[in-house]
Protein backbone atom coordinates (compact mmCIF):
# COMPACT_ATOMS: atom_id res chain seq x y z
CA MET A 1 -23.53 115.71 -2.75
CA ARG A 2 -23.40 119.67 -2.96
CA VAL A 3 -25.56 122.88 -2.01
CA PHE A 4 -24.94 125.68 -4.08
CA LEU A 5 -25.93 129.23 -3.33
CA MET A 6 -26.37 131.10 -6.39
CA PRO A 7 -26.41 134.64 -6.49
CA LEU A 8 -29.43 135.39 -9.65
CA GLY A 9 -29.36 139.33 -11.53
CA PHE A 10 -30.89 139.41 -14.80
CA HIS A 11 -29.10 137.24 -16.67
CA GLU A 12 -28.80 133.05 -16.43
CA ASP A 13 -26.20 132.46 -18.42
CA ILE A 14 -23.84 133.40 -15.91
CA LEU A 15 -25.42 130.91 -13.32
CA LEU A 16 -25.61 128.20 -15.96
CA ARG A 17 -21.50 128.03 -16.89
CA ALA A 18 -20.83 128.34 -13.01
CA LEU A 19 -22.90 124.52 -12.77
CA ASN A 20 -20.97 123.22 -16.06
CA SER A 21 -17.79 124.74 -14.70
CA MET A 22 -18.37 122.79 -11.28
CA ARG A 23 -19.44 119.56 -12.86
CA ALA A 24 -22.63 119.76 -11.14
CA ARG A 25 -24.72 116.85 -11.03
CA GLY A 26 -28.00 115.05 -10.65
CA GLY A 27 -27.54 114.74 -6.82
CA ASP A 28 -26.57 118.41 -5.80
CA VAL A 29 -28.88 120.36 -4.79
CA VAL A 30 -29.54 124.37 -6.18
CA TYR A 31 -30.38 127.39 -5.05
CA VAL A 32 -30.99 130.37 -6.79
CA LEU A 33 -30.86 133.54 -4.52
CA THR A 34 -32.60 136.99 -5.27
CA CYS A 35 -33.75 140.22 -3.67
CA GLY A 36 -37.62 140.53 -3.37
CA PRO A 37 -39.96 141.39 -4.55
CA ILE A 38 -38.51 139.54 -7.76
CA LEU A 39 -38.83 141.49 -10.96
CA GLY A 40 -39.91 140.70 -14.08
CA ALA A 41 -36.59 139.84 -16.05
CA VAL A 42 -34.85 138.01 -12.38
CA LYS A 43 -38.24 135.60 -12.94
CA ARG A 44 -37.40 135.24 -16.51
CA ALA A 45 -33.97 134.30 -15.83
CA TYR A 46 -35.18 131.89 -13.06
CA GLU A 47 -37.17 130.29 -15.27
CA SER A 48 -34.63 129.95 -18.55
CA LEU A 49 -32.12 128.83 -16.31
CA ARG A 50 -34.77 125.82 -14.95
CA ALA A 51 -35.22 124.82 -18.11
CA LEU A 52 -32.13 124.70 -19.37
CA CYS A 53 -30.70 123.03 -16.10
CA LEU A 54 -33.34 120.30 -17.07
CA ARG A 55 -32.47 120.27 -20.44
CA GLN A 56 -28.66 119.83 -19.84
CA GLY A 57 -29.26 117.11 -16.94
CA LEU A 58 -27.96 119.43 -14.43
CA PRO A 59 -30.13 119.98 -11.30
CA GLU A 60 -33.20 121.94 -10.84
CA PRO A 61 -32.83 125.02 -9.40
CA SER A 62 -34.90 126.06 -6.53
CA LEU A 63 -35.58 129.97 -6.26
CA VAL A 64 -35.10 131.98 -2.98
CA GLU A 65 -36.51 134.79 -2.85
CA LEU A 66 -34.98 137.30 0.42
CA ASN A 67 -35.88 140.61 1.82
CA CYS A 68 -32.83 142.50 0.86
CA ARG A 69 -33.94 145.40 3.37
CA ASP A 70 -33.87 143.67 6.32
CA PHE A 71 -30.11 141.87 5.96
CA TYR A 72 -30.20 140.53 9.34
CA GLY A 73 -33.17 138.30 8.63
CA ALA A 74 -31.86 138.07 5.01
CA VAL A 75 -29.12 136.39 6.55
CA ARG A 76 -31.30 133.96 8.94
CA ARG A 77 -32.61 132.97 5.93
CA VAL A 78 -29.99 131.89 3.72
CA LYS A 79 -28.29 130.00 7.18
CA GLU A 80 -31.87 128.18 7.37
CA VAL A 81 -31.27 126.99 3.73
CA VAL A 82 -28.16 125.94 4.56
CA SER A 83 -29.02 124.13 7.98
CA ALA A 84 -31.45 122.17 6.08
CA HIS A 85 -28.16 120.18 4.19
CA PRO A 86 -25.99 119.20 7.22
CA GLY A 87 -22.69 117.44 6.35
CA LEU A 88 -23.35 118.48 2.54
CA GLU A 89 -20.40 120.40 0.91
CA VAL A 90 -21.47 124.37 0.27
CA VAL A 91 -20.26 125.54 -2.98
CA PHE A 92 -20.76 129.46 -2.90
CA CYS A 93 -21.19 130.43 -6.94
CA SER A 94 -20.37 134.25 -7.00
CA GLY A 95 -20.29 136.58 -9.90
CA GLY A 96 -23.73 137.69 -10.93
CA GLY A 97 -26.43 139.51 -8.80
CA LEU A 98 -26.31 142.05 -6.42
CA ARG A 99 -23.42 142.87 -4.49
CA ILE A 100 -25.90 142.61 -1.12
CA LEU A 101 -27.02 139.35 -1.82
CA ILE A 102 -23.12 138.14 -2.12
CA HIS A 103 -22.86 140.05 1.47
CA ILE A 104 -25.23 138.12 2.96
CA VAL A 105 -24.35 134.47 1.64
CA GLU A 106 -20.86 135.43 2.91
CA VAL A 107 -21.72 136.59 6.88
CA ALA A 108 -24.36 133.22 6.90
CA LEU A 109 -21.89 130.96 6.59
CA LEU A 110 -19.02 132.63 8.22
CA ALA A 111 -21.79 132.80 10.87
CA LEU A 112 -22.76 128.80 10.62
CA ARG A 113 -18.51 128.66 10.60
CA ARG A 114 -19.37 126.08 7.34
CA PRO A 115 -16.31 125.92 4.85
CA TYR A 116 -17.28 126.41 1.60
CA THR A 117 -15.80 126.21 -1.80
CA LEU A 118 -15.96 130.13 -3.32
CA HIS A 119 -16.66 129.44 -7.50
CA TYR A 120 -16.39 132.83 -8.93
CA GLU A 121 -17.91 133.08 -12.73
CA PRO A 122 -16.83 136.65 -14.39
CA GLU A 123 -19.58 138.38 -15.85
CA ALA A 124 -17.06 139.43 -18.74
CA GLU A 125 -15.56 137.76 -21.07
CA GLY A 126 -11.97 137.03 -21.67
CA VAL A 127 -11.61 136.81 -17.63
CA ASP A 128 -10.68 133.21 -15.93
CA PRO A 129 -13.23 131.27 -13.71
CA VAL A 130 -11.20 131.26 -10.20
CA THR A 131 -12.24 128.09 -7.79
CA VAL A 132 -10.88 128.59 -4.10
CA PRO A 133 -10.94 125.63 -2.08
CA SER A 134 -12.53 124.88 1.41
CA ALA A 135 -9.76 124.23 3.12
CA PHE A 136 -8.76 127.71 2.30
CA MET A 137 -12.18 129.25 4.05
CA GLU A 138 -11.80 126.66 6.32
CA ASN A 139 -8.02 127.59 7.39
CA ALA A 140 -9.33 131.47 6.93
CA MET A 141 -12.56 130.49 10.00
CA ARG A 142 -9.91 128.59 12.00
CA GLY A 143 -6.41 129.28 13.36
CA LEU A 144 -2.93 127.64 14.16
CA SER A 145 -2.12 126.96 18.13
CA ALA A 146 1.24 129.32 18.61
CA ILE A 147 3.08 126.25 17.91
CA GLU A 148 1.66 125.48 14.92
CA GLU A 149 2.01 128.79 13.50
CA ARG A 150 5.58 129.16 14.72
CA VAL A 151 6.42 125.54 12.15
CA LEU A 152 4.42 127.08 9.76
CA ARG A 153 5.69 130.42 9.27
CA GLU A 154 9.17 128.37 8.99
CA VAL A 155 8.14 126.19 6.92
CA ILE A 156 6.72 129.59 4.35
CA ALA A 157 10.51 131.08 4.77
CA SER A 158 12.41 128.33 3.90
CA PRO A 159 10.79 125.95 1.50
CA GLY A 160 11.76 122.89 1.73
CA VAL A 161 13.04 122.65 4.84
CA SER A 162 13.73 119.72 6.65
CA VAL A 163 12.29 118.24 10.37
CA LYS A 164 15.96 118.61 11.71
CA GLU A 165 16.59 121.70 10.26
CA LEU A 166 13.37 122.77 11.96
CA SER A 167 14.01 121.11 14.91
CA ALA A 168 17.09 123.31 15.29
CA LYS A 169 15.79 126.15 14.71
CA LEU A 170 13.26 126.72 16.54
CA GLY A 171 14.60 124.75 19.50
CA LEU A 172 11.54 121.72 19.34
CA LYS A 173 12.03 117.92 19.80
CA GLU A 174 11.84 116.50 16.01
CA LYS A 175 8.91 114.32 16.97
CA SER A 176 7.03 117.48 17.73
CA VAL A 177 7.67 118.89 14.80
CA ARG A 178 6.85 115.58 12.65
CA ASN A 179 3.40 116.03 14.31
CA VAL A 180 2.61 119.50 13.57
CA LEU A 181 3.61 118.64 10.04
CA THR A 182 1.25 115.99 9.98
CA ARG A 183 -1.59 118.24 11.42
CA LEU A 184 -1.00 121.40 9.05
CA ARG A 185 -0.52 118.56 6.20
CA LYS A 186 -4.26 117.13 7.31
CA ARG A 187 -5.36 120.76 6.58
CA GLY A 188 -3.54 121.79 3.20
CA LEU A 189 -1.25 124.17 4.77
CA VAL A 190 2.47 122.48 4.17
CA ALA A 191 3.02 119.42 1.08
CA LYS A 192 6.06 116.74 1.70
CA ARG A 193 8.76 117.07 -0.81
CA ALA A 194 11.18 114.41 -1.06
CA ARG A 195 13.00 113.09 1.55
CA GLY A 196 10.95 114.87 4.48
CA ARG A 197 11.14 117.71 3.65
CA ALA A 198 8.43 120.35 3.90
CA GLU A 199 7.16 123.27 1.54
CA PRO A 200 3.87 125.57 1.71
CA THR A 201 0.73 125.36 -0.12
CA GLN A 202 -0.54 128.02 -1.74
CA ILE A 203 -3.06 128.14 1.19
CA ALA A 204 -0.64 128.59 3.43
CA ILE A 205 1.40 131.69 1.78
CA ALA A 206 -1.89 133.29 1.23
CA LEU A 207 -3.05 133.55 4.50
CA TYR A 208 0.26 133.59 7.03
CA ALA A 209 3.40 134.83 4.79
């Protein structure tokens, strides 16, 4: 089960595409976020989205009205919404709604230390959606130890490097290098190549290269 956070503007089609792209299912929880007071066009977009979701067998969305003039209060409200679902994966669908809504959600998730999957559904045609896995956000929020960062940077500098080569370059025992690589693999930062060689993942390159 997942919790979807979806800023809503005047058009519901962006949110509908995002739910379909992320394969939302009946057990998921969907929150549609908007700034209050709710405008008529936004209300109509929500009602249309709700009807389309019910028709297509998607989760029924709940509307959450935020006082966007009170940034800190709005952050607290989003925190309350997310905290009501401990242990569930959070999916933040960006692309629609006011920009202030996007910042409110980002700050709330950062304050909660909740890793989340970021899905960007573009408004314009011809632009592909982008989904960033929660492993990226988790690694961005939680740093590495000094030894983990040393090993990872060497793997980035020399893709396909072996444990023995890492041991020699860094002056570490091979057992220590293996243990570090195991931790880095669990965090999605290193992938294992044939013959025990290590290579960096895209997440590692984006965050540490």
